[in-house]
Amino acid sequence: MTLHPGDRCLTLVYLGADAMQSGNFGAAEQMFRMAEKQTASMSPGPALDFSLLVRCHMSLLRHRLGKTEEGKKLQDSAMTLLDENSSRMEAVAFQSFMAKVLMHLHEYRRAIPFCARRRAKIRRQQQGGWRSLLSVMERWVSKTTLQWQPELP
């Protein structure tokens, strides 16, 4: 089974963030660079979104390595692109990763929309799960002699 470049990118960002959290900065940088390479095979919109995610993580890594000037430059360029970019990835994992890295970079105002979209997406998924469960239950009940009216949560 081959993963979509976006899924590979998110996996590599996750592994890089985990390595960075563990203090393994060399492995973190390697994972982020590999994630960055995954964006080359993506269409322009998603490539920009994933590049922003990787750039934010690279900025955080530079700050943790004490290279604050380089980290600040990466962060500034990422925030400029983020402010100009109107399209956003819909995946919950992307929303979570972006919100988390923005909060680590103390970009709380910019993290709010990602937190809100993540929460809304999870709610829609949960509601969809309830609706499909209810439809299965309705079909089962219709085969029995019971009368049942579902109430949605």
Protein backbone atom coordinates (compact mmCIF):
# COMPACT_ATOMS: atom_id res chain seq x y z
CA MET A 1 0.00 0.00 0.00
CA THR A 2 1.47 3.33 -1.04
CA LEU A 3 0.67 6.48 0.86
CA HIS A 4 -0.42 9.73 -0.73
CA PRO A 5 2.39 12.37 -0.62
CA GLY A 6 0.31 14.39 1.87
CA ASP A 7 0.03 11.41 4.20
CA ARG A 8 3.75 10.73 3.88
CA CYS A 9 4.46 14.40 4.60
CA LEU A 10 2.26 14.39 7.72
CA THR A 11 3.90 11.18 8.91
CA LEU A 12 7.37 12.64 8.46
CA VAL A 13 6.36 15.88 10.22
CA TYR A 14 4.97 13.83 13.09
CA LEU A 15 8.19 11.80 13.34
CA GLY A 16 10.28 14.98 13.14
CA ALA A 17 8.24 16.69 15.85
CA ASP A 18 8.57 13.60 18.03
CA ALA A 19 12.34 13.52 17.49
CA MET A 20 12.57 17.24 18.26
CA GLN A 21 10.59 16.75 21.47
CA SER A 22 13.00 13.95 22.45
CA GLY A 23 15.99 16.21 21.82
CA ASN A 24 17.14 14.31 18.73
CA PHE A 25 17.54 17.45 16.61
CA GLY A 26 19.54 15.76 13.83
CA ALA A 27 16.81 13.21 13.20
CA ALA A 28 14.17 15.94 13.42
CA GLU A 29 15.88 18.00 10.76
CA GLN A 30 16.25 14.94 8.53
CA MET A 31 12.53 14.13 8.87
CA PHE A 32 11.51 17.72 8.12
CA ARG A 33 13.74 17.82 5.03
CA MET A 34 12.22 14.54 3.82
CA ALA A 35 8.74 15.96 4.44
CA GLU A 36 9.66 19.04 2.44
CA LYS A 37 10.65 16.83 -0.52
CA GLN A 38 7.19 15.22 -0.48
CA THR A 39 5.60 18.55 -1.45
CA ALA A 40 7.31 18.45 -4.87
CA SER A 41 4.82 15.89 -6.20
CA MET A 42 1.72 17.71 -4.89
CA SER A 43 -0.55 20.16 -6.66
CA PRO A 44 0.18 23.84 -5.85
CA GLY A 45 -2.50 24.42 -3.15
CA PRO A 46 -1.72 21.43 -0.95
CA ALA A 47 2.01 21.84 -1.61
CA LEU A 48 1.87 25.35 -0.18
CA ASP A 49 -0.08 24.18 2.88
CA PHE A 50 2.30 21.34 3.62
CA SER A 51 5.33 23.57 2.94
CA LEU A 52 4.00 26.02 5.52
CA LEU A 53 3.63 23.21 8.04
CA VAL A 54 7.18 22.01 7.42
CA ARG A 55 8.58 25.55 7.47
CA CYS A 56 6.92 26.25 10.82
CA HIS A 57 8.44 23.08 12.27
CA MET A 58 11.86 23.97 10.82
CA SER A 59 11.56 27.40 12.42
CA LEU A 60 10.76 25.85 15.79
CA LEU A 61 13.74 23.51 15.38
CA ARG A 62 16.06 26.44 14.63
CA HIS A 63 14.82 28.23 17.76
CA ARG A 64 15.45 25.10 19.86
CA LEU A 65 18.95 24.80 18.41
CA GLY A 66 19.68 28.37 19.52
CA LYS A 67 19.76 29.66 15.93
CA THR A 68 17.19 32.32 16.75
CA GLU A 69 17.98 34.64 13.82
CA GLU A 70 17.54 31.86 11.28
CA GLY A 71 14.44 30.61 13.12
CA LYS A 72 12.94 34.09 13.16
CA LYS A 73 13.49 34.50 9.40
CA LEU A 74 11.81 31.16 8.69
CA GLN A 75 8.94 32.03 11.01
CA ASP A 76 8.42 35.47 9.45
CA SER A 77 8.37 34.08 5.91
CA ALA A 78 5.98 31.29 6.95
CA MET A 79 3.64 33.73 8.69
CA THR A 80 3.60 36.00 5.62
CA LEU A 81 2.65 33.04 3.41
CA LEU A 82 0.11 31.85 5.96
CA ASP A 83 -1.58 35.25 6.04
CA GLU A 84 -1.73 35.35 2.21
CA ASN A 85 -2.92 31.76 1.76
CA SER A 86 -6.70 31.47 1.70
CA SER A 87 -6.99 27.73 1.04
CA ARG A 88 -6.46 25.32 3.90
CA MET A 89 -6.20 21.56 4.07
CA GLU A 90 -9.30 19.86 5.41
CA ALA A 91 -7.60 16.89 7.08
CA VAL A 92 -7.99 16.87 10.85
CA ALA A 93 -4.37 15.77 11.25
CA PHE A 94 -3.16 18.78 9.26
CA GLN A 95 -5.32 21.14 11.33
CA SER A 96 -3.96 19.61 14.55
CA PHE A 97 -0.32 19.76 13.48
CA MET A 98 -0.61 23.33 12.25
CA ALA A 99 -2.41 24.53 15.39
CA LYS A 100 0.16 22.84 17.61
CA VAL A 101 3.24 24.21 15.85
CA LEU A 102 1.75 27.72 15.70
CA MET A 103 1.13 27.63 19.45
CA HIS A 104 4.71 26.46 20.04
CA LEU A 105 5.84 29.46 17.96
CA HIS A 106 3.63 31.71 20.16
CA GLU A 107 1.44 32.55 17.13
CA TYR A 108 -1.74 32.04 19.13
CA ARG A 109 -3.96 34.33 17.04
CA ARG A 110 -2.99 32.48 13.88
CA ALA A 111 -3.58 29.09 15.56
CA ILE A 112 -7.22 29.86 16.43
CA PRO A 113 -8.71 29.17 12.95
CA PHE A 114 -6.90 25.83 12.77
CA CYS A 115 -8.21 24.82 16.20
CA ALA A 116 -11.73 25.86 15.21
CA ARG A 117 -11.63 24.01 11.87
CA ARG A 118 -10.25 20.90 13.57
CA ARG A 119 -13.02 20.96 16.14
CA ALA A 120 -15.73 21.52 13.49
CA LYS A 121 -14.35 18.71 11.32
CA ILE A 122 -14.33 16.30 14.28
CA ARG A 123 -17.91 17.26 15.15
CA ARG A 124 -19.05 16.61 11.57
CA GLN A 125 -17.30 13.23 11.58
CA GLN A 126 -18.84 12.27 14.92
CA GLN A 127 -22.28 13.39 13.79
CA GLY A 128 -21.89 11.39 10.60
CA GLY A 129 -20.96 8.36 12.68
CA TRP A 130 -24.10 8.74 14.78
CA ARG A 131 -26.26 9.18 11.70
CA SER A 132 -24.92 6.03 10.05
CA LEU A 133 -25.34 4.08 13.28
CA LEU A 134 -28.91 5.34 13.55
CA SER A 135 -29.71 4.32 9.98
CA VAL A 136 -28.40 0.80 10.64
CA MET A 137 -30.50 0.64 13.81
CA GLU A 138 -33.57 1.92 11.92
CA ARG A 139 -33.21 -0.82 9.31
CA TRP A 140 -32.85 -3.45 12.00
CA VAL A 141 -35.83 -2.14 13.97
CA SER A 142 -37.97 -1.95 10.80
CA LYS A 143 -37.46 -5.69 10.41
CA THR A 144 -38.79 -6.28 13.90
CA THR A 145 -42.22 -5.50 15.30
CA LEU A 146 -40.92 -2.59 17.39
CA GLN A 147 -41.80 0.99 16.57
CA TRP A 148 -38.84 3.29 17.05
CA GLN A 149 -38.23 7.01 16.44
CA PRO A 150 -34.56 8.02 16.65
CA GLU A 151 -33.53 11.21 18.41
CA LEU A 152 -30.25 12.71 17.28
CA PRO A 153 -27.84 13.85 19.98
